[in-house]
Amino acid sequence: FLVTCSVLNQIILPTLEHLHMCKSHSIGNIAFVFSCLRSFRILRVVRLFTIFNELHILLSAFVEAMKTVAWIGVIGMVVDYMFAVSMVNLAQQVDWGEDADLINAWFGNLWKAMRTFFIVMTLAEWDSIALTLEKHIHPALVYAAAALYILTTAFSLVSLITGILSDKLISAQMDNRERQRQLLDEEQISIHVELQTALKCFDRDGDGRISMGEVKDTPNEDVHLALLDLQRIAQITMTVDDFLGFIELVIDRMGETGECDSKHQRIEVSLEAVVDALQSQRGQAQAHSLWKLSSTVHKVRQQVIRNEEQLSRVEMRLSGIESKLATLCDALPHVVSRAGTS
């Protein structure tokens, strides 16, 4: 629309005027209309309020406060009307002498009086008006009335408007935080559901729990697809070994131990726990968290190896002691018989 107006105003209308196809004053009026329409291009600045969130919050608070500010304006008009009626009646009863023209310009009728009080509300020209009035009215009455009007309008109403704008701004910020929190919660729920769906390939028996045995028995193609889903959903990059170590750590921390033939073969952990652990790895520090996780898994594995070595040494010692005890038990009857013979 704005481009069309520009083309008509800059090209078509001058061409018609040059060809004398339209009267000059008609073309001038049409050009003025199109120039006014083109001035609406300034409304493009409003798009800034949709780009920057803080500006959007300020605009929302301002628009919301305008309803209350309008009623405060009504109160200001009522106060102006009351003072204006009083001054118009007073202006008709006092002999103003050489200041009659000024008084007539200020308080000649109701409209002039309300206009004058509106100007005084902005703290403009009130001093010259007060100095003129005190020539004919006692100064104490003049300045008492001026102070009452200024305190009621210029100070009280303006402070009230400021308080309302501040309250609406705080409310808008709190509403924005609440909306962001709700959006974050919805995002977390959505990611939780998607992660559960991606990890269901490891739940071979469909009981909602997974074990190291089930993870290792999962086909490699399904494992790689699950890892790709993790990267797409939660921006978590893992190799197959990293994922196995992660599952092993989660099982070590949260699994329930039962009778098993080999390590972790029958130790299971709920799918919810695995998903919660994966969600905790999201964010800017996820690479560092994964590094710490891998380091922890490596330390745990090293500790397990050391424990198994110590256990094997203890078993060897026990077997040696057992063999010695057996030898002693075999030799004991001979020793007793010889002692009896002697």
Protein backbone atom coordinates (compact mmCIF):
# COMPACT_ATOMS: atom_id res chain seq x y z
CA PHE A 1 0.00 0.00 0.00
CA LEU A 2 2.75 2.47 0.91
CA VAL A 3 4.68 1.60 -2.26
CA THR A 4 1.55 2.24 -4.34
CA CYS A 5 1.05 5.63 -2.69
CA SER A 6 4.67 6.55 -3.35
CA VAL A 7 4.39 5.60 -7.05
CA LEU A 8 1.18 7.63 -7.44
CA ASN A 9 2.63 10.65 -5.65
CA GLN A 10 6.09 10.66 -7.25
CA ILE A 11 5.42 9.41 -10.79
CA ILE A 12 1.81 9.24 -11.93
CA LEU A 13 0.49 12.55 -10.53
CA PRO A 14 3.43 14.67 -11.81
CA THR A 15 3.04 13.00 -15.21
CA LEU A 16 -0.68 13.84 -15.34
CA GLU A 17 0.06 17.43 -14.33
CA HIS A 18 2.73 17.71 -17.01
CA LEU A 19 0.31 16.42 -19.64
CA HIS A 20 -2.40 18.85 -18.43
CA MET A 21 -4.84 15.98 -17.96
CA CYS A 22 -5.85 17.21 -14.46
CA LYS A 23 -6.12 20.62 -12.85
CA SER A 24 -3.17 21.73 -10.77
CA HIS A 25 -5.17 22.34 -7.57
CA SER A 26 -6.83 18.91 -7.84
CA ILE A 27 -3.47 17.21 -8.30
CA GLY A 28 -2.11 19.21 -5.36
CA ASN A 29 -4.95 18.03 -3.10
CA ILE A 30 -4.50 14.42 -4.18
CA ALA A 31 -0.73 14.67 -3.68
CA PHE A 32 -1.29 16.05 -0.18
CA VAL A 33 -3.53 13.10 0.67
CA PHE A 34 -0.96 10.61 -0.60
CA SER A 35 1.80 12.40 1.31
CA CYS A 36 -0.22 12.05 4.49
CA LEU A 37 -0.75 8.38 3.79
CA ARG A 38 2.96 7.90 3.19
CA SER A 39 3.68 9.36 6.62
CA PHE A 40 2.22 6.15 8.10
CA ARG A 41 5.57 4.55 7.29
CA ILE A 42 6.69 5.74 10.68
CA LEU A 43 4.55 2.98 12.15
CA ARG A 44 7.29 0.56 11.11
CA VAL A 45 9.07 1.62 14.28
CA VAL A 46 6.38 -0.27 16.22
CA ARG A 47 8.03 -3.50 15.05
CA LEU A 48 10.81 -2.81 17.54
CA PHE A 49 8.38 -3.68 20.33
CA THR A 50 8.01 -7.18 18.89
CA ILE A 51 11.76 -7.68 18.44
CA PHE A 52 12.93 -6.69 21.93
CA ASN A 53 11.16 -8.43 24.81
CA GLU A 54 11.84 -5.64 27.32
CA LEU A 55 10.23 -3.06 25.04
CA HIS A 56 7.24 -5.36 24.61
CA ILE A 57 6.87 -5.61 28.40
CA LEU A 58 7.03 -1.81 28.74
CA LEU A 59 4.45 -1.33 26.00
CA SER A 60 2.11 -3.91 27.54
CA ALA A 61 2.37 -2.25 30.95
CA PHE A 62 1.77 1.19 29.42
CA VAL A 63 -1.32 0.06 27.49
CA GLU A 64 -2.69 -1.74 30.55
CA ALA A 65 -2.15 1.37 32.70
CA MET A 66 -3.91 3.68 30.25
CA LYS A 67 -7.33 2.48 31.44
CA THR A 68 -6.66 3.66 34.98
CA VAL A 69 -4.79 6.77 33.83
CA ALA A 70 -7.86 7.77 31.81
CA TRP A 71 -9.96 7.74 35.01
CA ILE A 72 -7.30 9.82 36.75
CA GLY A 73 -7.62 12.27 33.86
CA VAL A 74 -11.35 12.43 34.54
CA ILE A 75 -10.57 13.31 38.17
CA GLY A 76 -8.24 16.05 36.96
CA MET A 77 -10.97 17.45 34.70
CA VAL A 78 -13.45 17.46 37.61
CA VAL A 79 -10.97 19.35 39.81
CA ASP A 80 -10.34 21.82 36.95
CA TYR A 81 -14.07 22.29 36.52
CA MET A 82 -14.60 23.01 40.24
CA PHE A 83 -11.81 25.60 40.40
CA ALA A 84 -12.85 27.10 37.05
CA VAL A 85 -16.46 27.65 38.17
CA SER A 86 -15.22 29.30 41.38
CA MET A 87 -12.83 31.64 39.53
CA VAL A 88 -15.39 32.61 36.89
CA ASN A 89 -17.84 33.64 39.63
CA LEU A 90 -15.06 35.51 41.47
CA ALA A 91 -13.93 37.26 38.29
CA GLN A 92 -17.42 38.67 37.80
CA GLN A 93 -17.60 40.11 41.34
CA VAL A 94 -14.21 41.83 41.74
CA ASP A 95 -13.14 45.12 40.17
CA TRP A 96 -9.84 44.26 38.50
CA GLY A 97 -9.01 47.74 37.27
CA GLU A 98 -6.12 47.80 34.81
CA ASP A 99 -5.79 43.99 35.02
CA ALA A 100 -9.28 43.39 33.68
CA ASP A 101 -8.03 42.35 30.25
CA LEU A 102 -5.69 39.73 31.74
CA ILE A 103 -8.40 38.41 34.06
CA ASN A 104 -10.82 38.23 31.13
CA ALA A 105 -8.24 36.28 29.09
CA TRP A 106 -7.66 33.91 31.99
CA PHE A 107 -11.09 33.58 33.60
CA GLY A 108 -13.52 35.31 31.24
CA ASN A 109 -15.70 32.22 30.84
CA LEU A 110 -15.73 28.56 31.84
CA TRP A 111 -13.67 27.41 28.86
CA LYS A 112 -10.96 30.03 29.40
CA ALA A 113 -10.81 29.24 33.12
CA MET A 114 -10.43 25.49 32.51
CA ARG A 115 -7.72 26.17 29.94
CA THR A 116 -5.88 28.40 32.43
CA PHE A 117 -6.06 25.79 35.19
CA PHE A 118 -4.83 23.11 32.79
CA ILE A 119 -1.79 25.30 32.06
CA VAL A 120 -1.24 25.83 35.80
CA MET A 121 -1.46 22.04 36.25
CA THR A 122 1.75 21.81 34.21
CA LEU A 123 3.35 24.34 36.62
CA ALA A 124 3.54 26.97 33.86
CA GLU A 125 2.58 30.69 34.33
CA TRP A 126 1.09 30.12 37.77
CA ASP A 127 3.47 32.64 39.31
CA SER A 128 2.38 35.48 36.99
CA ILE A 129 -1.29 34.64 37.60
CA ALA A 130 -0.76 34.60 41.38
CA LEU A 131 1.13 37.92 41.30
CA THR A 132 -1.71 39.51 39.35
CA LEU A 133 -4.43 38.13 41.65
CA GLU A 134 -2.68 39.20 44.86
CA LYS A 135 -3.03 42.84 43.79
CA HIS A 136 -6.79 42.55 44.31
CA ILE A 137 -7.20 39.59 46.68
CA HIS A 138 -5.40 38.89 49.94
CA PRO A 139 -2.11 37.05 49.15
CA ALA A 140 -2.75 34.40 51.81
CA LEU A 141 -5.95 33.32 50.07
CA VAL A 142 -4.32 33.41 46.63
CA TYR A 143 -1.31 31.28 47.56
CA ALA A 144 -3.36 28.92 49.74
CA ALA A 145 -5.69 28.22 46.80
CA ALA A 146 -2.70 27.90 44.41
CA ALA A 147 -0.93 25.49 46.76
CA LEU A 148 -4.11 23.41 47.18
CA TYR A 149 -4.64 23.19 43.42
CA ILE A 150 -0.98 22.41 42.61
CA LEU A 151 -0.70 19.78 45.35
CA THR A 152 -3.94 18.13 44.19
CA THR A 153 -3.17 18.06 40.49
CA ALA A 154 0.50 18.59 39.65
CA PHE A 155 1.83 16.52 42.56
CA SER A 156 -0.83 14.07 43.78
CA LEU A 157 -2.31 13.03 40.42
CA VAL A 158 1.09 12.80 38.74
CA SER A 159 2.42 10.69 41.63
CA LEU A 160 -0.65 8.50 41.38
CA ILE A 161 -0.07 7.99 37.66
CA THR A 162 3.60 7.16 38.32
CA GLY A 163 2.60 4.61 40.95
CA ILE A 164 0.08 2.99 38.64
CA LEU A 165 2.62 2.74 35.81
CA SER A 166 5.18 1.22 38.18
CA ASP A 167 2.64 -1.29 39.49
CA LYS A 168 1.59 -2.30 35.98
CA LEU A 169 5.23 -2.63 34.92
CA ILE A 170 6.02 -4.92 37.87
CA SER A 171 2.88 -6.95 37.13
CA ALA A 172 3.85 -7.23 33.46
CA GLN A 173 7.35 -8.43 34.38
CA MET A 174 5.95 -11.02 36.78
CA ASP A 175 3.47 -12.20 34.14
CA ASN A 176 6.29 -12.46 31.62
CA ARG A 177 8.37 -14.55 34.04
CA GLU A 178 5.38 -16.76 34.74
CA ARG A 179 4.81 -17.26 31.00
CA GLN A 180 8.47 -18.10 30.51
CA ARG A 181 8.31 -20.57 33.39
CA GLN A 182 5.22 -22.20 31.90
CA LEU A 183 6.88 -22.40 28.48
CA LEU A 184 9.97 -23.93 30.09
CA ASP A 185 7.83 -26.47 31.94
CA GLU A 186 5.99 -27.35 28.74
CA GLU A 187 9.33 -27.71 26.93
CA GLN A 188 10.66 -29.96 29.69
CA ILE A 189 7.53 -32.13 29.56
CA SER A 190 7.74 -32.35 25.77
CA ILE A 191 11.44 -33.30 25.90
CA HIS A 192 10.71 -35.84 28.65
CA VAL A 193 8.07 -37.55 26.52
CA GLU A 194 10.29 -37.54 23.41
CA LEU A 195 13.24 -38.96 25.35
CA GLN A 196 11.05 -41.73 26.73
CA THR A 197 9.93 -42.57 23.21
CA ALA A 198 13.53 -42.58 21.96
CA LEU A 199 14.73 -44.89 24.75
CA LYS A 200 11.89 -47.41 24.48
CA CYS A 201 13.99 -49.40 22.04
CA PHE A 202 16.14 -50.51 25.01
CA ASP A 203 13.13 -51.77 26.98
CA ARG A 204 13.06 -55.20 25.37
CA ASP A 205 10.45 -56.73 27.72
CA GLY A 206 8.22 -53.63 27.88
CA ASP A 207 8.18 -53.38 31.70
CA GLY A 208 9.30 -49.73 31.80
CA ARG A 209 12.74 -50.68 33.14
CA ILE A 210 16.06 -51.27 31.40
CA SER A 211 19.21 -53.14 32.33
CA MET A 212 22.72 -53.34 30.97
CA GLY A 213 21.83 -56.69 29.47
CA GLU A 214 18.93 -55.19 27.53
CA VAL A 215 21.09 -52.27 26.35
CA LYS A 216 23.84 -54.59 25.15
CA ASP A 217 21.33 -56.86 23.41
CA THR A 218 19.81 -53.94 21.48
CA PRO A 219 20.80 -53.96 17.79
CA ASN A 220 23.48 -51.41 16.86
CA GLU A 221 21.16 -49.74 14.36
CA ASP A 222 18.58 -49.03 17.08
CA VAL A 223 21.30 -47.76 19.42
CA HIS A 224 22.63 -45.31 16.82
CA LEU A 225 19.11 -44.10 16.03
CA ALA A 226 18.49 -43.54 19.74
CA LEU A 227 21.72 -41.56 20.06
CA LEU A 228 20.75 -39.42 17.08
CA ASP A 229 17.38 -38.77 18.73
CA LEU A 230 19.20 -37.70 21.91
CA GLN A 231 21.24 -35.21 19.91
CA ARG A 232 18.15 -33.88 18.14
CA ILE A 233 15.88 -33.67 21.19
CA ALA A 234 18.19 -32.67 24.03
CA GLN A 235 21.38 -31.55 22.19
CA ILE A 236 23.33 -34.31 23.95
CA THR A 237 26.14 -35.86 21.92
CA MET A 238 27.24 -39.33 23.02
CA THR A 239 29.09 -42.24 21.54
CA VAL A 240 27.92 -45.80 22.13
CA ASP A 241 30.58 -46.29 24.82
CA ASP A 242 29.60 -43.03 26.50
CA PHE A 243 25.98 -44.08 26.54
CA LEU A 244 26.81 -47.49 27.98
CA GLY A 245 28.90 -45.83 30.67
CA PHE A 246 26.09 -43.41 31.40
CA ILE A 247 23.55 -46.23 31.77
CA GLU A 248 25.98 -48.14 33.96
CA LEU A 249 26.44 -45.13 36.24
CA VAL A 250 22.68 -44.56 36.50
CA ILE A 251 22.16 -48.23 37.32
CA ASP A 252 24.93 -48.11 39.94
CA ARG A 253 23.32 -45.13 41.63
CA MET A 254 19.62 -45.93 41.30
CA GLY A 255 19.27 -49.59 40.35
CA GLU A 256 17.84 -52.37 42.51
CA THR A 257 20.11 -55.40 42.94
CA GLY A 258 18.78 -58.94 42.72
CA GLU A 259 20.27 -62.33 42.15
CA CYS A 260 22.38 -62.21 39.05
CA ASP A 261 24.88 -64.36 37.23
CA SER A 262 27.16 -61.53 36.08
CA LYS A 263 27.64 -57.89 36.88
CA HIS A 264 24.67 -55.63 35.95
CA GLN A 265 23.04 -58.38 33.96
CA ARG A 266 19.86 -58.33 36.03
CA ILE A 267 20.20 -54.94 37.71
CA GLU A 268 17.42 -52.71 36.33
CA VAL A 269 16.52 -49.05 36.56
CA SER A 270 13.31 -47.34 35.58
CA LEU A 271 13.11 -45.58 32.23
CA GLU A 272 11.94 -42.44 34.05
CA ALA A 273 15.19 -42.32 36.05
CA VAL A 274 17.29 -42.58 32.89
CA VAL A 275 15.29 -39.82 31.21
CA ASP A 276 15.63 -37.56 34.27
CA ALA A 277 19.37 -38.17 34.32
CA LEU A 278 19.63 -37.32 30.63
CA GLN A 279 17.64 -34.12 31.09
CA SER A 280 20.05 -33.03 33.79
CA GLN A 281 22.82 -33.10 31.16
CA ARG A 282 21.14 -30.45 29.02
CA GLY A 283 22.34 -26.86 28.94
CA GLN A 284 25.55 -24.93 28.33
CA ALA A 285 27.65 -27.08 30.69
CA GLN A 286 26.60 -30.42 29.25
CA ALA A 287 30.02 -31.15 27.69
CA HIS A 288 31.71 -30.53 31.03
CA SER A 289 29.07 -32.63 32.79
CA LEU A 290 29.58 -35.49 30.37
CA TRP A 291 33.33 -35.24 30.87
CA LYS A 292 32.85 -35.44 34.63
CA LEU A 293 30.45 -38.32 34.12
CA SER A 294 32.95 -40.21 31.96
CA SER A 295 35.68 -39.52 34.51
CA THR A 296 33.46 -40.83 37.30
CA VAL A 297 32.60 -43.97 35.33
CA HIS A 298 36.30 -44.55 34.62
CA LYS A 299 37.15 -44.19 38.32
CA VAL A 300 34.37 -46.57 39.26
CA ARG A 301 35.61 -49.13 36.76
CA GLN A 302 39.18 -48.80 38.04
CA GLN A 303 37.98 -49.23 41.60
CA VAL A 304 36.01 -52.34 40.60
CA ILE A 305 39.10 -53.81 38.92
CA ARG A 306 41.21 -53.13 42.03
CA ASN A 307 38.56 -54.69 44.25
CA GLU A 308 38.42 -57.78 42.04
CA GLU A 309 42.23 -58.08 42.17
CA GLN A 310 42.20 -57.80 45.95
CA LEU A 311 39.39 -60.33 46.13
CA SER A 312 41.36 -62.78 43.97
CA ARG A 313 44.42 -62.40 46.22
CA VAL A 314 42.30 -62.97 49.29
CA GLU A 315 40.82 -66.08 47.65
CA MET A 316 44.32 -67.39 46.88
CA ARG A 317 45.39 -66.84 50.46
CA LEU A 318 42.28 -68.55 51.74
CA SER A 319 42.88 -71.51 49.45
CA GLY A 320 46.49 -71.75 50.72
CA ILE A 321 45.32 -71.62 54.31
CA GLU A 322 42.66 -74.21 53.53
CA SER A 323 45.23 -76.58 52.03
CA LYS A 324 47.50 -76.18 55.05
CA LEU A 325 44.59 -76.87 57.39
CA ALA A 326 43.75 -80.00 55.40
CA THR A 327 47.37 -81.17 55.67
CA LEU A 328 47.36 -80.59 59.41
CA CYS A 329 44.06 -82.42 59.77
CA ASP A 330 45.52 -85.40 57.85
CA ALA A 331 48.67 -85.46 59.97
CA LEU A 332 46.90 -85.04 63.30
CA PRO A 333 45.82 -88.75 63.71
CA HIS A 334 49.38 -89.97 63.15
CA VAL A 335 50.70 -87.51 65.72
CA VAL A 336 48.09 -88.65 68.24
CA SER A 337 48.81 -92.37 67.63
CA ARG A 338 52.54 -91.86 68.05
CA ALA A 339 51.96 -89.91 71.23
CA GLY A 340 49.80 -92.77 72.59
CA THR A 341 52.40 -95.43 71.70
CA SER A 342 55.17 -93.54 73.40
